């Protein structure tokens, strides 16, 4: 029997959606206000879900204290109150769309969580716009 446990987190960050290979006009047409050269920000909501078998001795799928600490160290400390384009190494060459941010978060956490457990990242950029990534 598999069970999914989840932990919510939050970070604030600025970004600019922009493709360096395109003209400013094309970037403005595709990304609209999100291509603003002065950046813009979001209050991101993050849900990290881990799915697996319940350990017979602890009753846990994963110790939530451990998951909380991983999210804090790997995501919140690195992303919170940052300009993603300029201050987060992964986005120096990768457009920081919600899709790409969710993949980077998944990659940061995957190696820190037992391979026996399935990992899902759900990232809310706004209350109505969110993405989910499972490593596929």
N, C-alpha and C. Protein backbone atom coordinates (compact mmCIF):
# COMPACT_ATOMS: atom_id res chain seq x y z
N UNK A 1 0.85 -1.18 0.00
CA UNK A 1 0.00 0.00 0.00
C UNK A 1 0.90 1.24 0.00
N UNK A 2 0.64 2.15 -0.92
CA UNK A 2 1.42 3.39 -1.01
C UNK A 2 0.57 4.56 -0.53
N UNK A 3 1.24 5.48 0.14
CA UNK A 3 0.59 6.68 0.67
C UNK A 3 1.42 7.88 0.23
N UNK A 4 0.74 9.00 -0.04
CA UNK A 4 1.43 10.24 -0.40
C UNK A 4 1.36 11.21 0.77
N UNK A 5 2.53 11.73 1.14
CA UNK A 5 2.60 12.78 2.16
C UNK A 5 3.10 14.04 1.48
N UNK A 6 2.63 15.20 1.96
CA UNK A 6 2.98 16.46 1.30
C UNK A 6 3.35 17.52 2.33
N UNK A 7 4.21 18.41 1.90
CA UNK A 7 4.63 19.55 2.72
C UNK A 7 4.49 20.80 1.87
N UNK A 8 3.84 21.83 2.45
CA UNK A 8 3.69 23.11 1.76
C UNK A 8 4.81 24.04 2.19
N UNK A 9 5.21 24.91 1.27
CA UNK A 9 6.23 25.91 1.54
C UNK A 9 5.90 27.15 0.72
N UNK A 10 6.66 28.20 0.93
CA UNK A 10 6.38 29.48 0.30
C UNK A 10 7.70 30.21 0.07
N UNK A 11 7.80 30.90 -1.05
CA UNK A 11 8.93 31.81 -1.26
C UNK A 11 8.49 32.94 -2.17
N UNK A 12 9.12 34.07 -2.00
CA UNK A 12 8.89 35.25 -2.84
C UNK A 12 10.11 35.42 -3.73
N UNK A 13 9.88 35.66 -5.02
CA UNK A 13 11.01 35.83 -5.92
C UNK A 13 10.60 36.67 -7.12
N UNK A 14 11.59 37.33 -7.69
CA UNK A 14 11.39 38.11 -8.91
C UNK A 14 12.00 37.35 -10.08
N UNK A 15 11.47 37.62 -11.26
CA UNK A 15 12.05 37.03 -12.46
C UNK A 15 11.62 37.85 -13.67
N UNK A 16 12.25 37.52 -14.78
CA UNK A 16 11.90 38.08 -16.08
C UNK A 16 11.89 36.94 -17.08
N UNK A 17 10.79 36.82 -17.80
CA UNK A 17 10.73 35.82 -18.86
C UNK A 17 11.27 36.46 -20.14
N UNK A 18 12.31 35.86 -20.67
CA UNK A 18 13.02 36.48 -21.79
C UNK A 18 13.87 35.45 -22.49
N UNK A 19 13.87 35.48 -23.80
CA UNK A 19 14.73 34.62 -24.60
C UNK A 19 15.78 35.51 -25.24
N UNK A 20 17.04 35.31 -24.87
CA UNK A 20 18.13 36.15 -25.37
C UNK A 20 18.31 36.10 -26.88
N UNK A 21 17.82 35.03 -27.51
CA UNK A 21 17.96 34.90 -28.96
C UNK A 21 16.90 35.68 -29.73
N UNK A 22 15.93 36.24 -29.02
CA UNK A 22 14.84 36.98 -29.65
C UNK A 22 15.02 38.49 -29.49
N UNK A 23 14.33 39.22 -30.34
CA UNK A 23 14.31 40.68 -30.20
C UNK A 23 13.43 41.06 -29.01
N UNK A 24 13.60 42.29 -28.55
CA UNK A 24 12.74 42.79 -27.46
C UNK A 24 11.27 42.74 -27.88
N UNK A 25 11.01 43.04 -29.15
CA UNK A 25 9.62 43.04 -29.63
C UNK A 25 9.03 41.63 -29.58
N UNK A 26 9.80 40.64 -30.00
CA UNK A 26 9.28 39.27 -29.97
C UNK A 26 9.08 38.79 -28.52
N UNK A 27 10.03 39.12 -27.65
CA UNK A 27 9.87 38.77 -26.24
C UNK A 27 8.61 39.41 -25.66
N UNK A 28 8.38 40.68 -25.99
CA UNK A 28 7.19 41.37 -25.49
C UNK A 28 5.92 40.73 -26.02
N UNK A 29 5.95 40.30 -27.29
CA UNK A 29 4.77 39.67 -27.88
C UNK A 29 4.47 38.33 -27.22
N UNK A 30 5.50 37.52 -26.96
CA UNK A 30 5.31 36.18 -26.39
C UNK A 30 5.06 36.24 -24.89
N UNK A 31 5.87 37.02 -24.17
CA UNK A 31 5.82 37.00 -22.71
C UNK A 31 5.06 38.17 -22.09
N UNK A 32 4.67 39.15 -22.91
CA UNK A 32 3.90 40.28 -22.41
C UNK A 32 4.60 41.01 -21.28
N UNK A 33 3.85 41.37 -20.24
CA UNK A 33 4.40 42.10 -19.09
C UNK A 33 5.51 41.32 -18.39
N UNK A 34 5.50 40.02 -18.56
CA UNK A 34 6.51 39.18 -17.89
C UNK A 34 7.91 39.37 -18.48
N UNK A 35 8.01 40.05 -19.63
CA UNK A 35 9.31 40.34 -20.24
C UNK A 35 9.86 41.69 -19.78
N UNK A 36 9.21 42.33 -18.85
CA UNK A 36 9.64 43.64 -18.34
C UNK A 36 11.12 43.60 -17.96
N UNK A 37 11.93 44.48 -18.54
CA UNK A 37 13.37 44.47 -18.24
C UNK A 37 13.69 44.75 -16.77
N UNK A 38 12.72 45.31 -16.05
CA UNK A 38 12.93 45.60 -14.63
C UNK A 38 12.41 44.49 -13.72
N UNK A 39 12.02 43.36 -14.32
CA UNK A 39 11.58 42.18 -13.59
C UNK A 39 10.20 42.38 -12.96
N UNK A 40 9.65 41.34 -12.39
CA UNK A 40 8.40 41.36 -11.64
C UNK A 40 8.43 40.19 -10.67
N UNK A 41 7.57 40.21 -9.67
CA UNK A 41 7.66 39.19 -8.63
C UNK A 41 6.40 38.38 -8.43
N UNK A 42 6.58 37.27 -7.73
CA UNK A 42 5.47 36.38 -7.37
C UNK A 42 5.64 35.91 -5.93
N UNK A 43 4.52 35.60 -5.32
CA UNK A 43 4.50 34.91 -4.03
C UNK A 43 4.21 33.45 -4.36
N UNK A 44 5.27 32.67 -4.54
CA UNK A 44 5.14 31.28 -4.95
C UNK A 44 4.69 30.40 -3.78
N UNK A 45 3.77 29.51 -4.06
CA UNK A 45 3.36 28.48 -3.11
C UNK A 45 3.85 27.15 -3.68
N UNK A 46 4.44 26.36 -2.82
CA UNK A 46 5.08 25.12 -3.24
C UNK A 46 4.52 23.96 -2.43
N UNK A 47 4.22 22.87 -3.12
CA UNK A 47 3.81 21.64 -2.43
C UNK A 47 4.74 20.53 -2.92
N UNK A 48 5.44 19.93 -1.97
CA UNK A 48 6.31 18.81 -2.27
C UNK A 48 5.62 17.55 -1.75
N UNK A 49 5.39 16.60 -2.63
CA UNK A 49 4.72 15.36 -2.26
C UNK A 49 5.65 14.18 -2.47
N UNK A 50 5.63 13.26 -1.51
CA UNK A 50 6.45 12.06 -1.55
C UNK A 50 5.52 10.87 -1.37
N UNK A 51 5.64 9.90 -2.28
CA UNK A 51 4.75 8.73 -2.26
C UNK A 51 5.57 7.46 -2.09
N UNK A 52 5.11 6.61 -1.18
CA UNK A 52 5.80 5.36 -0.98
C UNK A 52 5.10 4.49 0.04
N UNK A 53 5.77 3.40 0.35
CA UNK A 53 5.25 2.46 1.35
C UNK A 53 5.42 3.03 2.75
N UNK A 54 4.50 2.71 3.62
CA UNK A 54 4.60 3.11 5.03
C UNK A 54 5.62 2.20 5.70
N UNK A 55 6.61 2.81 6.35
CA UNK A 55 7.63 2.03 7.05
C UNK A 55 6.99 1.32 8.24
N UNK A 56 7.18 0.00 8.36
CA UNK A 56 6.48 -0.75 9.41
C UNK A 56 6.89 -0.35 10.83
N UNK A 57 8.10 0.16 11.03
CA UNK A 57 8.55 0.52 12.37
C UNK A 57 8.17 1.94 12.76
N UNK A 58 8.25 2.89 11.81
CA UNK A 58 7.97 4.28 12.15
C UNK A 58 6.54 4.69 11.86
N UNK A 59 5.92 4.02 10.89
CA UNK A 59 4.60 4.43 10.44
C UNK A 59 4.66 5.60 9.46
N UNK A 60 5.88 6.03 9.08
CA UNK A 60 6.09 7.15 8.16
C UNK A 60 6.34 6.66 6.73
N UNK A 61 5.92 7.45 5.76
CA UNK A 61 6.43 7.31 4.40
C UNK A 61 7.81 7.97 4.38
N UNK A 62 7.86 9.17 4.97
CA UNK A 62 9.11 9.92 5.13
C UNK A 62 8.95 10.80 6.35
N UNK A 63 9.99 10.96 7.10
CA UNK A 63 9.96 11.83 8.27
C UNK A 63 9.74 13.27 7.79
N UNK A 64 8.63 13.87 8.18
CA UNK A 64 8.29 15.22 7.70
C UNK A 64 9.26 16.28 8.21
N UNK A 65 9.92 16.02 9.33
CA UNK A 65 10.95 16.97 9.80
C UNK A 65 12.10 17.02 8.80
N UNK A 66 12.44 15.87 8.26
CA UNK A 66 13.52 15.80 7.26
C UNK A 66 13.09 16.51 5.99
N UNK A 67 11.87 16.27 5.54
CA UNK A 67 11.37 16.93 4.33
C UNK A 67 11.33 18.45 4.53
N UNK A 68 10.85 18.89 5.68
CA UNK A 68 10.80 20.32 5.99
C UNK A 68 12.20 20.94 5.90
N UNK A 69 13.19 20.28 6.46
CA UNK A 69 14.56 20.80 6.45
C UNK A 69 15.13 20.83 5.03
N UNK A 70 14.87 19.79 4.24
CA UNK A 70 15.34 19.76 2.85
C UNK A 70 14.75 20.92 2.05
N UNK A 71 13.46 21.14 2.19
CA UNK A 71 12.81 22.24 1.47
C UNK A 71 13.40 23.57 1.90
N UNK A 72 13.61 23.72 3.19
CA UNK A 72 14.17 24.97 3.70
C UNK A 72 15.58 25.23 3.12
N UNK A 73 16.45 24.22 3.22
CA UNK A 73 17.83 24.39 2.77
C UNK A 73 17.98 24.47 1.26
N UNK A 74 17.30 23.59 0.54
CA UNK A 74 17.50 23.47 -0.90
C UNK A 74 16.67 24.46 -1.72
N UNK A 75 15.54 24.90 -1.19
CA UNK A 75 14.65 25.75 -1.99
C UNK A 75 14.48 27.13 -1.36
N UNK A 76 13.94 27.18 -0.16
CA UNK A 76 13.64 28.48 0.44
C UNK A 76 14.89 29.34 0.60
N UNK A 77 15.96 28.78 1.15
CA UNK A 77 17.18 29.58 1.33
C UNK A 77 17.77 30.04 0.00
N UNK A 78 17.60 29.25 -1.05
CA UNK A 78 18.21 29.58 -2.34
C UNK A 78 17.33 30.46 -3.22
N UNK A 79 16.00 30.42 -3.03
CA UNK A 79 15.09 31.14 -3.92
C UNK A 79 14.41 32.34 -3.26
N UNK A 80 14.18 32.30 -1.96
CA UNK A 80 13.36 33.31 -1.30
C UNK A 80 14.01 34.69 -1.35
N UNK A 81 13.21 35.68 -1.77
CA UNK A 81 13.64 37.07 -1.90
C UNK A 81 14.86 37.22 -2.81
N UNK A 82 14.85 36.44 -3.89
CA UNK A 82 15.93 36.51 -4.88
C UNK A 82 15.38 36.93 -6.22
N UNK A 83 16.26 37.47 -7.04
CA UNK A 83 15.98 37.66 -8.45
C UNK A 83 16.45 36.38 -9.12
N UNK A 84 15.53 35.55 -9.55
CA UNK A 84 15.89 34.24 -10.07
C UNK A 84 16.85 34.32 -11.24
N UNK A 85 16.63 35.26 -12.15
CA UNK A 85 17.49 35.38 -13.34
C UNK A 85 18.93 35.70 -12.95
N UNK A 86 19.11 36.52 -11.94
CA UNK A 86 20.44 37.04 -11.62
C UNK A 86 21.12 36.38 -10.44
N UNK A 87 20.34 35.77 -9.54
CA UNK A 87 20.93 35.26 -8.30
C UNK A 87 20.89 33.74 -8.14
N UNK A 88 20.19 33.05 -9.01
CA UNK A 88 20.10 31.59 -8.91
C UNK A 88 20.81 30.99 -10.13
N UNK A 89 21.85 30.24 -9.88
CA UNK A 89 22.74 29.77 -10.95
C UNK A 89 22.01 29.06 -12.08
N UNK A 90 21.04 28.23 -11.74
CA UNK A 90 20.34 27.45 -12.77
C UNK A 90 19.62 28.34 -13.79
N UNK A 91 19.26 29.55 -13.40
CA UNK A 91 18.49 30.42 -14.30
C UNK A 91 19.33 31.47 -15.00
N UNK A 92 20.64 31.33 -14.91
CA UNK A 92 21.52 32.22 -15.67
C UNK A 92 21.32 31.96 -17.17
N UNK A 93 21.03 30.71 -17.52
CA UNK A 93 20.86 30.34 -18.93
C UNK A 93 19.52 29.66 -19.20
N UNK A 94 18.68 29.52 -18.18
CA UNK A 94 17.39 28.85 -18.30
C UNK A 94 16.28 29.84 -17.96
N UNK A 95 15.33 30.01 -18.86
CA UNK A 95 14.23 30.95 -18.65
C UNK A 95 13.43 30.50 -17.41
N UNK A 96 13.30 31.36 -16.38
CA UNK A 96 12.66 30.94 -15.14
C UNK A 96 11.12 30.95 -15.19
N UNK A 97 10.58 30.18 -16.11
CA UNK A 97 9.13 29.99 -16.17
C UNK A 97 8.74 29.10 -14.99
N UNK A 98 7.46 29.07 -14.66
CA UNK A 98 7.00 28.18 -13.59
C UNK A 98 7.35 26.73 -13.92
N UNK A 99 7.25 26.37 -15.19
CA UNK A 99 7.60 25.01 -15.60
C UNK A 99 9.06 24.70 -15.28
N UNK A 100 9.96 25.60 -15.69
CA UNK A 100 11.38 25.37 -15.45
C UNK A 100 11.73 25.44 -13.96
N UNK A 101 11.09 26.33 -13.22
CA UNK A 101 11.35 26.40 -11.78
C UNK A 101 10.96 25.09 -11.11
N UNK A 102 9.82 24.52 -11.49
CA UNK A 102 9.39 23.25 -10.87
C UNK A 102 10.37 22.12 -11.18
N UNK A 103 10.92 22.09 -12.38
CA UNK A 103 11.89 21.06 -12.75
C UNK A 103 13.17 21.24 -11.93
N UNK A 104 13.64 22.47 -11.79
CA UNK A 104 14.86 22.73 -11.00
C UNK A 104 14.64 22.33 -9.54
N UNK A 105 13.49 22.65 -8.98
CA UNK A 105 13.19 22.26 -7.60
C UNK A 105 13.21 20.74 -7.48
N UNK A 106 12.57 20.04 -8.41
CA UNK A 106 12.54 18.58 -8.39
C UNK A 106 13.97 18.02 -8.43
N UNK A 107 14.79 18.58 -9.32
CA UNK A 107 16.18 18.12 -9.45
C UNK A 107 16.97 18.35 -8.17
N UNK A 108 16.75 19.47 -7.51
CA UNK A 108 17.46 19.77 -6.27
C UNK A 108 17.08 18.79 -5.16
N UNK A 109 15.84 18.36 -5.13
CA UNK A 109 15.37 17.48 -4.06
C UNK A 109 15.55 16.00 -4.35
N UNK A 110 15.51 15.62 -5.63
CA UNK A 110 15.49 14.19 -6.00
C UNK A 110 16.64 13.41 -5.37
N UNK A 111 17.84 13.93 -5.44
CA UNK A 111 19.00 13.18 -4.94
C UNK A 111 19.05 13.13 -3.42
N UNK A 112 18.25 13.94 -2.77
CA UNK A 112 18.25 14.00 -1.30
C UNK A 112 17.17 13.11 -0.68
N UNK A 113 16.30 12.55 -1.51
CA UNK A 113 15.18 11.73 -1.06
C UNK A 113 15.36 10.32 -1.60
N UNK A 114 15.09 9.34 -0.78
CA UNK A 114 15.25 7.93 -1.15
C UNK A 114 14.67 7.65 -2.54
N UNK A 115 15.42 6.92 -3.35
CA UNK A 115 14.99 6.57 -4.70
C UNK A 115 13.73 5.69 -4.69
N UNK A 116 13.44 5.06 -3.56
CA UNK A 116 12.24 4.22 -3.45
C UNK A 116 10.97 5.07 -3.40
N UNK A 117 11.12 6.34 -3.13
CA UNK A 117 9.97 7.24 -2.99
C UNK A 117 9.76 8.05 -4.27
N UNK A 118 8.50 8.19 -4.66
CA UNK A 118 8.15 9.02 -5.81
C UNK A 118 8.09 10.47 -5.33
N UNK A 119 8.55 11.39 -6.16
CA UNK A 119 8.60 12.81 -5.81
C UNK A 119 7.77 13.62 -6.80
N UNK A 120 6.91 14.48 -6.27
CA UNK A 120 6.10 15.38 -7.10
C UNK A 120 6.26 16.80 -6.58
N UNK A 121 6.48 17.73 -7.50
CA UNK A 121 6.57 19.15 -7.18
C UNK A 121 5.37 19.85 -7.80
N UNK A 122 4.62 20.57 -7.00
CA UNK A 122 3.54 21.42 -7.49
C UNK A 122 3.87 22.84 -7.08
N UNK A 123 3.95 23.72 -8.08
CA UNK A 123 4.34 25.11 -7.85
C UNK A 123 3.23 26.04 -8.32
N UNK A 124 2.72 26.84 -7.40
CA UNK A 124 1.72 27.85 -7.72
C UNK A 124 2.44 29.18 -7.93
N UNK A 125 2.35 29.70 -9.15
CA UNK A 125 2.91 31.02 -9.44
C UNK A 125 1.91 32.09 -9.03
N UNK A 126 0.65 31.81 -9.24
CA UNK A 126 -0.46 32.65 -8.77
C UNK A 126 -1.50 31.68 -8.19
N UNK A 127 -2.50 32.19 -7.50
CA UNK A 127 -3.52 31.27 -6.97
C UNK A 127 -4.22 30.44 -8.04
N UNK A 128 -4.21 30.91 -9.30
CA UNK A 128 -4.90 30.19 -10.37
C UNK A 128 -3.96 29.52 -11.38
N UNK A 129 -2.68 29.86 -11.36
CA UNK A 129 -1.73 29.28 -12.31
C UNK A 129 -0.71 28.43 -11.56
N UNK A 130 -0.68 27.14 -11.87
CA UNK A 130 0.27 26.25 -11.21
C UNK A 130 0.71 25.15 -12.15
N UNK A 131 1.85 24.57 -11.83
CA UNK A 131 2.41 23.47 -12.61
C UNK A 131 2.76 22.30 -11.68
N UNK A 132 2.77 21.11 -12.24
CA UNK A 132 3.13 19.92 -11.49
C UNK A 132 4.17 19.16 -12.28
N UNK A 133 5.24 18.72 -11.60
CA UNK A 133 6.29 17.96 -12.24
C UNK A 133 6.62 16.71 -11.41
N UNK A 134 6.70 15.57 -12.10
CA UNK A 134 6.96 14.30 -11.43
C UNK A 134 8.25 13.62 -11.88
N UNK A 135 9.04 14.32 -12.68
CA UNK A 135 10.29 13.74 -13.15
C UNK A 135 10.20 13.04 -14.48
N UNK A 136 9.04 13.08 -15.10
CA UNK A 136 8.87 12.41 -16.39
C UNK A 136 9.23 13.33 -17.54
